[in-house]
Amino acid sequence: MLVKDGDKRFARWKTRYDIVKNGKPIRQLSEESEQKLKKEFIRMAEIENEAKIIISKTNTPTMLNFAYLAFAREIYGLVKRYTKKTLQNQVEITLLKWQAQQLNQELLVKIKDKVFEMMGIDLIV
């Protein structure tokens, strides 16, 4: 089963943090910030869907799906935060961390490669 699309996630997020509806003193997002945030929700949903497809092609127990999806989200965050050598080091550390939790190394590498491909990163780790 694929995750919900990014538009639905964004709409849910916007409803939750809507100033008028909830009356909380949160500053309103500018239109530009709102569009950037919406793109991030959509991109994250796409990455999770691709990771889920990769996971479903293997004989992975369903109870481990959340861990592989969390790994995909973490790699996505690293790609957004770091570049070049620092990114390479951080990804290696992250791979070791998730392998220590008894996750399949080949599957982790496939997910990492897919995230890199979707983000346009050409880095060998």
PDB file of N, CA and C in Angstrom:
ATOM      1  N   MET A   1       0.841  -1.174   0.000  1.00  0.00           N
ATOM      2  CA  MET A   1       0.000   0.000   0.000  1.00  0.00           C
ATOM      3  C   MET A   1       0.889   1.242   0.000  1.00  0.00           C
ATOM      4  N   LEU A   2       0.633   2.140  -0.893  1.00  0.00           N
ATOM      5  CA  LEU A   2       1.433   3.347  -0.998  1.00  0.00           C
ATOM      6  C   LEU A   2       0.977   4.383   0.022  1.00  0.00           C
ATOM      7  N   VAL A   3       1.899   5.259   0.378  1.00  0.00           N
ATOM      8  CA  VAL A   3       1.539   6.317   1.326  1.00  0.00           C
ATOM      9  C   VAL A   3       0.668   7.347   0.632  1.00  0.00           C
ATOM     10  N   LYS A   4       0.009   8.180   1.441  1.00  0.00           N
ATOM     11  CA  LYS A   4      -0.847   9.223   0.870  1.00  0.00           C
ATOM     12  C   LYS A   4       0.000  10.196   0.071  1.00  0.00           C
ATOM     13  N   ASP A   5      -0.633  10.825  -0.887  1.00  0.00           N
ATOM     14  CA  ASP A   5       0.140  11.756  -1.702  1.00  0.00           C
ATOM     15  C   ASP A   5       0.441  13.033  -0.928  1.00  0.00           C
ATOM     16  N   GLY A   6       1.407  13.779  -1.434  1.00  0.00           N
ATOM     17  CA  GLY A   6       1.881  14.975  -0.754  1.00  0.00           C
ATOM     18  C   GLY A   6       0.844  16.065  -0.625  1.00  0.00           C
ATOM     19  N   ASP A   7      -0.056  16.174  -1.598  1.00  0.00           N
ATOM     20  CA  ASP A   7      -1.098  17.204  -1.519  1.00  0.00           C
ATOM     21  C   ASP A   7      -2.008  16.982  -0.318  1.00  0.00           C
ATOM     22  N   LYS A   8      -2.362  15.719  -0.075  1.00  0.00           N
ATOM     23  CA  LYS A   8      -3.223  15.417   1.068  1.00  0.00           C
ATOM     24  C   LYS A   8      -2.498  15.701   2.379  1.00  0.00           C
ATOM     25  N   ARG A   9      -1.205  15.351   2.428  1.00  0.00           N
ATOM     26  CA  ARG A   9      -0.423  15.632   3.628  1.00  0.00           C
ATOM     27  C   ARG A   9      -0.358  17.127   3.893  1.00  0.00           C
ATOM     28  N   PHE A  10      -0.121  17.890   2.828  1.00  0.00           N
ATOM     29  CA  PHE A  10      -0.014  19.339   2.990  1.00  0.00           C
ATOM     30  C   PHE A  10      -1.337  19.925   3.462  1.00  0.00           C
ATOM     31  N   ALA A  11      -2.435  19.470   2.886  1.00  0.00           N
ATOM     32  CA  ALA A  11      -3.751  19.977   3.286  1.00  0.00           C
ATOM     33  C   ALA A  11      -4.018  19.670   4.758  1.00  0.00           C
ATOM     34  N   ARG A  12      -3.648  18.474   5.195  1.00  0.00           N
ATOM     35  CA  ARG A  12      -3.828  18.103   6.593  1.00  0.00           C
ATOM     36  C   ARG A  12      -2.950  18.969   7.498  1.00  0.00           C
ATOM     37  N   TRP A  13      -1.703  19.189   7.073  1.00  0.00           N
ATOM     38  CA  TRP A  13      -0.796  20.028   7.848  1.00  0.00           C
ATOM     39  C   TRP A  13      -1.330  21.452   7.947  1.00  0.00           C
ATOM     40  N   LYS A  14      -1.798  21.973   6.819  1.00  0.00           N
ATOM     41  CA  LYS A  14      -2.292  23.347   6.791  1.00  0.00           C
ATOM     42  C   LYS A  14      -3.510  23.501   7.701  1.00  0.00           C
ATOM     43  N   THR A  15      -4.394  22.522   7.696  1.00  0.00           N
ATOM     44  CA  THR A  15      -5.567  22.560   8.567  1.00  0.00           C
ATOM     45  C   THR A  15      -5.138  22.549  10.031  1.00  0.00           C
ATOM     46  N   ARG A  16      -4.157  21.744  10.340  1.00  0.00           N
ATOM     47  CA  ARG A  16      -3.689  21.625  11.715  1.00  0.00           C
ATOM     48  C   ARG A  16      -3.058  22.919  12.223  1.00  0.00           C
ATOM     49  N   TYR A  17      -2.386  23.648  11.346  1.00  0.00           N
ATOM     50  CA  TYR A  17      -1.681  24.856  11.763  1.00  0.00           C
ATOM     51  C   TYR A  17      -2.339  26.142  11.273  1.00  0.00           C
ATOM     52  N   ASP A  18      -3.577  26.046  10.864  1.00  0.00           N
ATOM     53  CA  ASP A  18      -4.306  27.220  10.396  1.00  0.00           C
ATOM     54  C   ASP A  18      -4.625  28.133  11.579  1.00  0.00           C
ATOM     55  N   ILE A  19      -4.195  29.386  11.502  1.00  0.00           N
ATOM     56  CA  ILE A  19      -4.376  30.336  12.601  1.00  0.00           C
ATOM     57  C   ILE A  19      -5.850  30.600  12.873  1.00  0.00           C
ATOM     58  N   VAL A  20      -6.599  30.838  11.831  1.00  0.00           N
ATOM     59  CA  VAL A  20      -8.003  31.205  11.995  1.00  0.00           C
ATOM     60  C   VAL A  20      -8.788  30.069  12.630  1.00  0.00           C
ATOM     61  N   LYS A  21      -8.554  28.860  12.181  1.00  0.00           N
ATOM     62  CA  LYS A  21      -9.323  27.733  12.671  1.00  0.00           C
ATOM     63  C   LYS A  21      -8.946  27.358  14.103  1.00  0.00           C
ATOM     64  N   ASN A  22      -7.658  27.334  14.399  1.00  0.00           N
ATOM     65  CA  ASN A  22      -7.210  26.891  15.715  1.00  0.00           C
ATOM     66  C   ASN A  22      -6.982  28.024  16.702  1.00  0.00           C
ATOM     67  N   GLY A  23      -6.871  29.248  16.210  1.00  0.00           N
ATOM     68  CA  GLY A  23      -6.688  30.393  17.088  1.00  0.00           C
ATOM     69  C   GLY A  23      -5.352  30.426  17.803  1.00  0.00           C
ATOM     70  N   LYS A  24      -4.356  29.718  17.297  1.00  0.00           N
ATOM     71  CA  LYS A  24      -3.048  29.708  17.936  1.00  0.00           C
ATOM     72  C   LYS A  24      -2.207  30.864  17.394  1.00  0.00           C
ATOM     73  N   PRO A  25      -1.325  31.415  18.209  1.00  0.00           N
ATOM     74  CA  PRO A  25      -0.495  32.539  17.760  1.00  0.00           C
ATOM     75  C   PRO A  25       0.693  32.100  16.909  1.00  0.00           C
ATOM     76  N   ILE A  26       0.412  31.467  15.805  1.00  0.00           N
ATOM     77  CA  ILE A  26       1.460  31.063  14.869  1.00  0.00           C
ATOM     78  C   ILE A  26       1.415  32.034  13.707  1.00  0.00           C
ATOM     79  N   ARG A  27       2.592  32.498  13.303  1.00  0.00           N
ATOM     80  CA  ARG A  27       2.605  33.447  12.191  1.00  0.00           C
ATOM     81  C   ARG A  27       2.188  32.743  10.909  1.00  0.00           C
ATOM     82  N   GLN A  28       1.542  33.464  10.054  1.00  0.00           N
ATOM     83  CA  GLN A  28       1.110  32.880   8.798  1.00  0.00           C
ATOM     84  C   GLN A  28       2.302  32.715   7.863  1.00  0.00           C
ATOM     85  N   LEU A  29       2.246  31.685   7.072  1.00  0.00           N
ATOM     86  CA  LEU A  29       3.288  31.463   6.081  1.00  0.00           C
ATOM     87  C   LEU A  29       3.065  32.376   4.893  1.00  0.00           C
ATOM     88  N   SER A  30       4.149  32.853   4.349  1.00  0.00           N
ATOM     89  CA  SER A  30       4.019  33.616   3.114  1.00  0.00           C
ATOM     90  C   SER A  30       3.650  32.645   1.999  1.00  0.00           C
ATOM     91  N   GLU A  31       3.159  33.167   0.914  1.00  0.00           N
ATOM     92  CA  GLU A  31       2.760  32.318  -0.215  1.00  0.00           C
ATOM     93  C   GLU A  31       3.953  31.505  -0.726  1.00  0.00           C
ATOM     94  N   GLU A  32       5.117  32.143  -0.787  1.00  0.00           N
ATOM     95  CA  GLU A  32       6.324  31.460  -1.263  1.00  0.00           C
ATOM     96  C   GLU A  32       6.716  30.316  -0.326  1.00  0.00           C
ATOM     97  N   SER A  33       6.683  30.571   0.968  1.00  0.00           N
ATOM     98  CA  SER A  33       7.014  29.535   1.950  1.00  0.00           C
ATOM     99  C   SER A  33       6.016  28.389   1.883  1.00  0.00           C
ATOM    100  N   GLU A  34       4.772  28.733   1.698  1.00  0.00           N
ATOM    101  CA  GLU A  34       3.730  27.714   1.606  1.00  0.00           C
ATOM    102  C   GLU A  34       3.962  26.809   0.394  1.00  0.00           C
ATOM    103  N   GLN A  35       4.338  27.394  -0.731  1.00  0.00           N
ATOM    104  CA  GLN A  35       4.604  26.607  -1.936  1.00  0.00           C
ATOM    105  C   GLN A  35       5.826  25.704  -1.746  1.00  0.00           C
ATOM    106  N   LYS A  36       6.875  26.224  -1.099  1.00  0.00           N
ATOM    107  CA  LYS A  36       8.066  25.409  -0.832  1.00  0.00           C
ATOM    108  C   LYS A  36       7.714  24.226   0.063  1.00  0.00           C
ATOM    109  N   LEU A  37       6.928  24.507   1.085  1.00  0.00           N
ATOM    110  CA  LEU A  37       6.529  23.456   2.010  1.00  0.00           C
ATOM    111  C   LEU A  37       5.683  22.401   1.302  1.00  0.00           C
ATOM    112  N   LYS A  38       4.792  22.846   0.442  1.00  0.00           N
ATOM    113  CA  LYS A  38       3.955  21.914  -0.309  1.00  0.00           C
ATOM    114  C   LYS A  38       4.815  21.019  -1.198  1.00  0.00           C
ATOM    115  N   LYS A  39       5.832  21.598  -1.846  1.00  0.00           N
ATOM    116  CA  LYS A  39       6.738  20.806  -2.687  1.00  0.00           C
ATOM    117  C   LYS A  39       7.484  19.766  -1.862  1.00  0.00           C
ATOM    118  N   GLU A  40       7.882  20.136  -0.635  1.00  0.00           N
ATOM    119  CA  GLU A  40       8.585  19.199   0.234  1.00  0.00           C
ATOM    120  C   GLU A  40       7.689  18.026   0.631  1.00  0.00           C
ATOM    121  N   PHE A  41       6.440  18.314   0.961  1.00  0.00           N
ATOM    122  CA  PHE A  41       5.505  17.243   1.294  1.00  0.00           C
ATOM    123  C   PHE A  41       5.325  16.296   0.106  1.00  0.00           C
ATOM    124  N   ILE A  42       5.207  16.855  -1.085  1.00  0.00           N
ATOM    125  CA  ILE A  42       5.028  16.036  -2.281  1.00  0.00           C
ATOM    126  C   ILE A  42       6.269  15.193  -2.543  1.00  0.00           C
ATOM    127  N   ARG A  43       7.450  15.810  -2.441  1.00  0.00           N
ATOM    128  CA  ARG A  43       8.698  15.077  -2.680  1.00  0.00           C
ATOM    129  C   ARG A  43       8.877  13.962  -1.658  1.00  0.00           C
ATOM    130  N   MET A  44       8.574  14.241  -0.394  1.00  0.00           N
ATOM    131  CA  MET A  44       8.708  13.223   0.643  1.00  0.00           C
ATOM    132  C   MET A  44       7.761  12.055   0.379  1.00  0.00           C
ATOM    133  N   ALA A  45       6.547  12.332  -0.037  1.00  0.00           N
ATOM    134  CA  ALA A  45       5.598  11.259  -0.354  1.00  0.00           C
ATOM    135  C   ALA A  45       6.104  10.423  -1.522  1.00  0.00           C
ATOM    136  N   GLU A  46       6.691  11.068  -2.528  1.00  0.00           N
ATOM    137  CA  GLU A  46       7.239  10.334  -3.669  1.00  0.00           C
ATOM    138  C   GLU A  46       8.382   9.425  -3.230  1.00  0.00           C
ATOM    139  N   ILE A  47       9.253   9.942  -2.379  1.00  0.00           N
ATOM    140  CA  ILE A  47      10.379   9.140  -1.892  1.00  0.00           C
ATOM    141  C   ILE A  47       9.876   7.956  -1.073  1.00  0.00           C
ATOM    142  N   GLU A  48       8.907   8.187  -0.205  1.00  0.00           N
ATOM    143  CA  GLU A  48       8.356   7.092   0.591  1.00  0.00           C
ATOM    144  C   GLU A  48       7.673   6.053  -0.290  1.00  0.00           C
ATOM    145  N   ASN A  49       6.966   6.500  -1.317  1.00  0.00           N
ATOM    146  CA  ASN A  49       6.321   5.553  -2.229  1.00  0.00           C
ATOM    147  C   ASN A  49       7.356   4.700  -2.952  1.00  0.00           C
ATOM    148  N   GLU A  50       8.428   5.319  -3.422  1.00  0.00           N
ATOM    149  CA  GLU A  50       9.481   4.559  -4.107  1.00  0.00           C
ATOM    150  C   GLU A  50      10.149   3.577  -3.149  1.00  0.00           C
ATOM    151  N   ALA A  51      10.400   4.011  -1.923  1.00  0.00           N
ATOM    152  CA  ALA A  51      10.998   3.114  -0.929  1.00  0.00           C
ATOM    153  C   ALA A  51      10.060   1.945  -0.645  1.00  0.00           C
ATOM    154  N   LYS A  52       8.785   2.229  -0.556  1.00  0.00           N
ATOM    155  CA  LYS A  52       7.801   1.174  -0.292  1.00  0.00           C
ATOM    156  C   LYS A  52       7.762   0.160  -1.449  1.00  0.00           C
ATOM    157  N   ILE A  53       7.892   0.645  -2.670  1.00  0.00           N
ATOM    158  CA  ILE A  53       7.926  -0.249  -3.828  1.00  0.00           C
ATOM    159  C   ILE A  53       9.153  -1.154  -3.759  1.00  0.00           C
ATOM    160  N   ILE A  54      10.306  -0.584  -3.417  1.00  0.00           N
ATOM    161  CA  ILE A  54      11.536  -1.370  -3.296  1.00  0.00           C
ATOM    162  C   ILE A  54      11.384  -2.417  -2.200  1.00  0.00           C
ATOM    163  N   ILE A  55      10.816  -2.024  -1.073  1.00  0.00           N
ATOM    164  CA  ILE A  55      10.628  -2.949   0.048  1.00  0.00           C
ATOM    165  C   ILE A  55       9.680  -4.077  -0.342  1.00  0.00           C
ATOM    166  N   SER A  56       8.613  -3.746  -1.057  1.00  0.00           N
ATOM    167  CA  SER A  56       7.610  -4.760  -1.405  1.00  0.00           C
ATOM    168  C   SER A  56       8.145  -5.806  -2.377  1.00  0.00           C
ATOM    169  N   LYS A  57       9.207  -5.485  -3.108  1.00  0.00           N
ATOM    170  CA  LYS A  57       9.791  -6.438  -4.051  1.00  0.00           C
ATOM    171  C   LYS A  57      10.655  -7.485  -3.355  1.00  0.00           C
ATOM    172  N   THR A  58      10.902  -7.296  -2.072  1.00  0.00           N
ATOM    173  CA  THR A  58      11.705  -8.258  -1.319  1.00  0.00           C
ATOM    174  C   THR A  58      10.805  -9.028  -0.366  1.00  0.00           C
ATOM    175  N   ASN A  59      11.386  -9.968   0.305  1.00  0.00           N
ATOM    176  CA  ASN A  59      10.637 -10.786   1.261  1.00  0.00           C
ATOM    177  C   ASN A  59      10.823 -10.223   2.672  1.00  0.00           C
ATOM    178  N   THR A  60      10.619  -8.927   2.814  1.00  0.00           N
ATOM    179  CA  THR A  60      10.833  -8.240   4.087  1.00  0.00           C
ATOM    180  C   THR A  60       9.587  -8.345   4.963  1.00  0.00           C
ATOM    181  N   PRO A  61       9.761  -8.681   6.241  1.00  0.00           N
ATOM    182  CA  PRO A  61       8.600  -8.700   7.137  1.00  0.00           C
ATOM    183  C   PRO A  61       7.944  -7.320   7.212  1.00  0.00           C
ATOM    184  N   THR A  62       6.640  -7.300   7.216  1.00  0.00           N
ATOM    185  CA  THR A  62       5.887  -6.049   7.215  1.00  0.00           C
ATOM    186  C   THR A  62       6.227  -5.174   8.412  1.00  0.00           C
ATOM    187  N   MET A  63       6.522  -5.787   9.538  1.00  0.00           N
ATOM    188  CA  MET A  63       6.806  -4.999  10.736  1.00  0.00           C
ATOM    189  C   MET A  63       8.095  -4.183  10.621  1.00  0.00           C
ATOM    190  N   LEU A  64       8.925  -4.478   9.627  1.00  0.00           N
ATOM    191  CA  LEU A  64      10.162  -3.707   9.431  1.00  0.00           C
ATOM    192  C   LEU A  64       9.996  -2.562   8.435  1.00  0.00           C
ATOM    193  N   ASN A  65       8.847  -2.478   7.788  1.00  0.00           N
ATOM    194  CA  ASN A  65       8.641  -1.421   6.788  1.00  0.00           C
ATOM    195  C   ASN A  65       8.889  -0.035   7.354  1.00  0.00           C
ATOM    196  N   PHE A  66       8.416   0.207   8.576  1.00  0.00           N
ATOM    197  CA  PHE A  66       8.576   1.544   9.156  1.00  0.00           C
ATOM    198  C   PHE A  66      10.050   1.912   9.291  1.00  0.00           C
ATOM    199  N   ALA A  67      10.898   0.938   9.596  1.00  0.00           N
ATOM    200  CA  ALA A  67      12.325   1.220   9.772  1.00  0.00           C
ATOM    201  C   ALA A  67      12.964   1.605   8.441  1.00  0.00           C
ATOM    202  N   TYR A  68      12.599   0.889   7.380  1.00  0.00           N
ATOM    203  CA  TYR A  68      13.152   1.223   6.065  1.00  0.00           C
ATOM    204  C   TYR A  68      12.645   2.585   5.587  1.00  0.00           C
ATOM    205  N   LEU A  69      11.390   2.898   5.872  1.00  0.00           N
ATOM    206  CA  LEU A  69      10.856   4.216   5.502  1.00  0.00           C
ATOM    207  C   LEU A  69      11.525   5.323   6.316  1.00  0.00           C
ATOM    208  N   ALA A  70      11.797   5.056   7.581  1.00  0.00           N
ATOM    209  CA  ALA A  70      12.507   6.036   8.409  1.00  0.00           C
ATOM    210  C   ALA A  70      13.918   6.252   7.870  1.00  0.00           C
ATOM    211  N   PHE A  71      14.544   5.183   7.403  1.00  0.00           N
ATOM    212  CA  PHE A  71      15.867   5.297   6.789  1.00  0.00           C
ATOM    213  C   PHE A  71      15.799   6.183   5.547  1.00  0.00           C
ATOM    214  N   ALA A  72      14.799   5.968   4.708  1.00  0.00           N
ATOM    215  CA  ALA A  72      14.649   6.784   3.493  1.00  0.00           C
ATOM    216  C   ALA A  72      14.462   8.254   3.853  1.00  0.00           C
ATOM    217  N   ARG A  73      13.653   8.528   4.866  1.00  0.00           N
ATOM    218  CA  ARG A  73      13.444   9.915   5.306  1.00  0.00           C
ATOM    219  C   ARG A  73      14.741  10.524   5.831  1.00  0.00           C
ATOM    220  N   GLU A  74      15.510   9.722   6.558  1.00  0.00           N
ATOM    221  CA  GLU A  74      16.765  10.232   7.113  1.00  0.00           C
ATOM    222  C   GLU A  74      17.769  10.544   6.004  1.00  0.00           C
ATOM    223  N   ILE A  75      17.866   9.679   5.009  1.00  0.00           N
ATOM    224  CA  ILE A  75      18.768   9.937   3.881  1.00  0.00           C
ATOM    225  C   ILE A  75      18.315  11.192   3.142  1.00  0.00           C
ATOM    226  N   TYR A  76      17.025  11.345   2.950  1.00  0.00           N
ATOM    227  CA  TYR A  76      16.489  12.545   2.297  1.00  0.00           C
ATOM    228  C   TYR A  76      16.902  13.801   3.063  1.00  0.00           C
ATOM    229  N   GLY A  77      16.801  13.757   4.371  1.00  0.00           N
ATOM    230  CA  GLY A  77      17.203  14.893   5.196  1.00  0.00           C
ATOM    231  C   GLY A  77      18.687  15.192   5.076  1.00  0.00           C
ATOM    232  N   LEU A  78      19.500  14.142   5.012  1.00  0.00           N
ATOM    233  CA  LEU A  78      20.944  14.340   4.859  1.00  0.00           C
ATOM    234  C   LEU A  78      21.278  14.963   3.512  1.00  0.00           C
ATOM    235  N   VAL A  79      20.587  14.516   2.464  1.00  0.00           N
ATOM    236  CA  VAL A  79      20.832  15.058   1.121  1.00  0.00           C
ATOM    237  C   VAL A  79      20.496  16.542   1.083  1.00  0.00           C
ATOM    238  N   LYS A  80      19.462  16.925   1.785  1.00  0.00           N
ATOM    239  CA  LYS A  80      19.083  18.342   1.814  1.00  0.00           C
ATOM    240  C   LYS A  80      20.049  19.172   2.656  1.00  0.00           C
ATOM    241  N   ARG A  81      20.678  18.556   3.645  1.00  0.00           N
ATOM    242  CA  ARG A  81      21.496  19.289   4.601  1.00  0.00           C
ATOM    243  C   ARG A  81      22.974  19.367   4.209  1.00  0.00           C
ATOM    244  N   TYR A  82      23.520  18.309   3.610  1.00  0.00           N
ATOM    245  CA  TYR A  82      24.961  18.239   3.366  1.00  0.00           C
ATOM    246  C   TYR A  82      25.277  18.082   1.883  1.00  0.00           C
ATOM    247  N   THR A  83      26.555  18.299   1.548  1.00  0.00           N
ATOM    248  CA  THR A  83      27.028  18.087   0.179  1.00  0.00           C
ATOM    249  C   THR A  83      28.366  17.355   0.205  1.00  0.00           C
ATOM    250  N   LYS A  84      28.690  16.753  -0.906  1.00  0.00           N
ATOM    251  CA  LYS A  84      29.980  16.122  -1.193  1.00  0.00           C
ATOM    252  C   LYS A  84      30.490  15.217  -0.080  1.00  0.00           C
ATOM    253  N   LYS A  85      31.693  15.504   0.416  1.00  0.00           N
ATOM    254  CA  LYS A  85      32.366  14.615   1.365  1.00  0.00           C
ATOM    255  C   LYS A  85      31.592  14.487   2.685  1.00  0.00           C
ATOM    256  N   THR A  86      31.044  15.580   3.154  1.00  0.00           N
ATOM    257  CA  THR A  86      30.275  15.528   4.399  1.00  0.00           C
ATOM    258  C   THR A  86      29.047  14.648   4.221  1.00  0.00           C
ATOM    259  N   LEU A  87      28.375  14.782   3.088  1.00  0.00           N
ATOM    260  CA  LEU A  87      27.216  13.938   2.798  1.00  0.00           C
ATOM    261  C   LEU A  87      27.634  12.476   2.750  1.00  0.00           C
ATOM    262  N   GLN A  88      28.744  12.207   2.087  1.00  0.00           N
ATOM    263  CA  GLN A  88      29.234  10.834   1.983  1.00  0.00           C
ATOM    264  C   GLN A  88      29.492  10.254   3.376  1.00  0.00           C
ATOM    265  N   ASN A  89      30.162  11.005   4.234  1.00  0.00           N
ATOM    266  CA  ASN A  89      30.447  10.528   5.594  1.00  0.00           C
ATOM    267  C   ASN A  89      29.163  10.304   6.391  1.00  0.00           C
ATOM    268  N   GLN A  90      28.234  11.233   6.299  1.00  0.00           N
ATOM    269  CA  GLN A  90      26.983  11.118   7.048  1.00  0.00           C
ATOM    270  C   GLN A  90      26.153   9.922   6.577  1.00  0.00           C
ATOM    271  N   VAL A  91      26.141   9.686   5.280  1.00  0.00           N
ATOM    272  CA  VAL A  91      25.389   8.546   4.742  1.00  0.00           C
ATOM    273  C   VAL A  91      26.022   7.233   5.192  1.00  0.00           C
ATOM    274  N   GLU A  92      27.351   7.165   5.197  1.00  0.00           N
ATOM    275  CA  GLU A  92      28.027   5.953   5.674  1.00  0.00           C
ATOM    276  C   GLU A  92      27.678   5.676   7.135  1.00  0.00           C
ATOM    277  N   ILE A  93      27.689   6.718   7.949  1.00  0.00           N
ATOM    278  CA  ILE A  93      27.336   6.568   9.367  1.00  0.00           C
ATOM    279  C   ILE A  93      25.887   6.103   9.507  1.00  0.00           C
ATOM    280  N   THR A  94      25.008   6.690   8.719  1.00  0.00           N
ATOM    281  CA  THR A  94      23.590   6.323   8.777  1.00  0.00           C
ATOM    282  C   THR A  94      23.379   4.875   8.340  1.00  0.00           C
ATOM    283  N   LEU A  95      24.074   4.454   7.293  1.00  0.00           N
ATOM    284  CA  LEU A  95      23.979   3.055   6.859  1.00  0.00           C
ATOM    285  C   LEU A  95      24.416   2.110   7.978  1.00  0.00           C
ATOM    286  N   LEU A  96      25.527   2.428   8.618  1.00  0.00           N
ATOM    287  CA  LEU A  96      26.010   1.584   9.716  1.00  0.00           C
ATOM    288  C   LEU A  96      25.010   1.550  10.871  1.00  0.00           C
ATOM    289  N   LYS A  97      24.408   2.685  11.153  1.00  0.00           N
ATOM    290  CA  LYS A  97      23.425   2.759  12.240  1.00  0.00           C
ATOM    291  C   LYS A  97      22.244   1.829  11.968  1.00  0.00           C
ATOM    292  N   TRP A  98      21.717   1.873  10.748  1.00  0.00           N
ATOM    293  CA  TRP A  98      20.549   1.055  10.432  1.00  0.00           C
ATOM    294  C   TRP A  98      20.920  -0.413  10.241  1.00  0.00           C
ATOM    295  N   GLN A  99      22.143  -0.694   9.800  1.00  0.00           N
ATOM    296  CA  GLN A  99      22.586  -2.085   9.710  1.00  0.00           C
ATOM    297  C   GLN A  99      22.722  -2.689  11.105  1.00  0.00           C
ATOM    298  N   ALA A 100      23.119  -1.874  12.070  1.00  0.00           N
ATOM    299  CA  ALA A 100      23.243  -2.344  13.451  1.00  0.00           C
ATOM    300  C   ALA A 100      21.888  -2.750  14.021  1.00  0.00           C
ATOM    301  N   GLN A 101      20.815  -2.268  13.421  1.00  0.00           N
ATOM    302  CA  GLN A 101      19.469  -2.646  13.857  1.00  0.00           C
ATOM    303  C   GLN A 101      18.955  -3.863  13.081  1.00  0.00           C
ATOM    304  N   GLN A 102      19.886  -4.588  12.487  1.00  0.00           N
ATOM    305  CA  GLN A 102      19.604  -5.844  11.788  1.00  0.00           C
ATOM    306  C   GLN A 102      18.779  -5.671  10.519  1.00  0.00           C
ATOM    307  N   LEU A 103      18.888  -4.526   9.860  1.00  0.00           N
ATOM    308  CA  LEU A 103      18.210  -4.335   8.581  1.00  0.00           C
ATOM    309  C   LEU A 103      19.116  -4.812   7.458  1.00  0.00           C
ATOM    310  N   ASN A 104      18.517  -5.232   6.367  1.00  0.00           N
ATOM    311  CA  ASN A 104      19.227  -5.787   5.223  1.00  0.00           C
ATOM    312  C   ASN A 104      20.059  -4.707   4.530  1.00  0.00           C
ATOM    313  N   GLN A 105      21.377  -4.938   4.445  1.00  0.00           N
ATOM    314  CA  GLN A 105      22.283  -3.952   3.860  1.00  0.00           C
ATOM    315  C   GLN A 105      21.961  -3.690   2.391  1.00  0.00           C
ATOM    316  N   GLU A 106      21.690  -4.737   1.633  1.00  0.00           N
ATOM    317  CA  GLU A 106      21.388  -4.564   0.206  1.00  0.00           C
ATOM    318  C   GLU A 106      20.139  -3.710   0.004  1.00  0.00           C
ATOM    319  N   LEU A 107      19.142  -3.943   0.815  1.00  0.00           N
ATOM    320  CA  LEU A 107      17.899  -3.179   0.713  1.00  0.00           C
ATOM    321  C   LEU A 107      18.127  -1.716   1.104  1.00  0.00           C
ATOM    322  N   LEU A 108      18.921  -1.495   2.138  1.00  0.00           N
ATOM    323  CA  LEU A 108      19.253  -0.124   2.539  1.00  0.00           C
ATOM    324  C   LEU A 108      19.980   0.613   1.417  1.00  0.00           C
ATOM    325  N   VAL A 109      20.912  -0.074   0.775  1.00  0.00           N
ATOM    326  CA  VAL A 109      21.675   0.552  -0.317  1.00  0.00           C
ATOM    327  C   VAL A 109      20.759   0.860  -1.498  1.00  0.00           C
ATOM    328  N   LYS A 110      19.831  -0.039  -1.802  1.00  0.00           N
ATOM    329  CA  LYS A 110      18.883   0.221  -2.894  1.00  0.00           C
ATOM    330  C   LYS A 110      18.027   1.452  -2.598  1.00  0.00           C
ATOM    331  N   ILE A 111      17.560   1.558  -1.369  1.00  0.00           N
ATOM    332  CA  ILE A 111      16.740   2.713  -0.980  1.00  0.00           C
ATOM    333  C   ILE A 111      17.571   3.987  -1.054  1.00  0.00           C
ATOM    334  N   LYS A 112      18.793   3.931  -0.543  1.00  0.00           N
ATOM    335  CA  LYS A 112      19.685   5.097  -0.593  1.00  0.00           C
ATOM    336  C   LYS A 112      19.926   5.528  -2.030  1.00  0.00           C
ATOM    337  N   ASP A 113      20.215   4.561  -2.895  1.00  0.00           N
ATOM    338  CA  ASP A 113      20.464   4.879  -4.306  1.00  0.00           C
ATOM    339  C   ASP A 113      19.236   5.509  -4.961  1.00  0.00           C
ATOM    340  N   LYS A 114      18.058   5.019  -4.614  1.00  0.00           N
ATOM    341  CA  LYS A 114      16.828   5.576  -5.185  1.00  0.00           C
ATOM    342  C   LYS A 114      16.613   7.011  -4.714  1.00  0.00           C
ATOM    343  N   VAL A 115      16.870   7.274  -3.441  1.00  0.00           N
ATOM    344  CA  VAL A 115      16.735   8.644  -2.929  1.00  0.00           C
ATOM    345  C   VAL A 115      17.730   9.556  -3.638  1.00  0.00           C
ATOM    346  N   PHE A 116      18.969   9.089  -3.785  1.00  0.00           N
ATOM    347  CA  PHE A 116      19.981   9.883  -4.496  1.00  0.00           C
ATOM    348  C   PHE A 116      19.536  10.157  -5.925  1.00  0.00           C
ATOM    349  N   GLU A 117      19.018   9.130  -6.585  1.00  0.00           N
ATOM    350  CA  GLU A 117      18.566   9.287  -7.974  1.00  0.00           C
ATOM    351  C   GLU A 117      17.438  10.316  -8.063  1.00  0.00           C
ATOM    352  N   MET A 118      16.482  10.225  -7.148  1.00  0.00           N
ATOM    353  CA  MET A 118      15.344  11.149  -7.183  1.00  0.00           C
ATOM    354  C   MET A 118      15.759  12.585  -6.866  1.00  0.00           C
ATOM    355  N   MET A 119      16.811  12.740  -6.074  1.00  0.00           N
ATOM    356  CA  MET A 119      17.284  14.071  -5.704  1.00  0.00           C
ATOM    357  C   MET A 119      18.358  14.591  -6.661  1.00  0.00           C
ATOM    358  N   GLY A 120      18.744  13.766  -7.633  1.00  0.00           N
ATOM    359  CA  GLY A 120      19.744  14.196  -8.608  1.00  0.00           C
ATOM    360  C   GLY A 120      21.155  14.234  -8.049  1.00  0.00           C
ATOM    361  N   ILE A 121      21.450  13.364  -7.088  1.00  0.00           N
ATOM    362  CA  ILE A 121      22.775  13.314  -6.468  1.00  0.00           C
ATOM    363  C   ILE A 121      23.579  12.209  -7.134  1.00  0.00           C
ATOM    364  N   ASP A 122      24.789  12.533  -7.546  1.00  0.00           N
ATOM    365  CA  ASP A 122      25.682  11.552  -8.163  1.00  0.00           C
ATOM    366  C   ASP A 122      26.855  11.333  -7.218  1.00  0.00           C
ATOM    367  N   LEU A 123      26.640  10.507  -6.204  1.00  0.00           N
ATOM    368  CA  LEU A 123      27.637  10.285  -5.170  1.00  0.00           C
ATOM    369  C   LEU A 123      27.690   8.797  -4.888  1.00  0.00           C
ATOM    370  N   ILE A 124      28.889   8.248  -4.878  1.00  0.00           N
ATOM    371  CA  ILE A 124      29.047   6.824  -4.599  1.00  0.00           C
ATOM    372  C   ILE A 124      29.441   6.667  -3.140  1.00  0.00           C
ATOM    373  N   VAL A 125      28.599   5.930  -2.406  1.00  0.00           N
ATOM    374  CA  VAL A 125      28.875   5.679  -0.989  1.00  0.00           C
ATOM    375  C   VAL A 125      28.912   4.190  -0.778  1.00  0.00           C
TER     376      VAL A 125
END
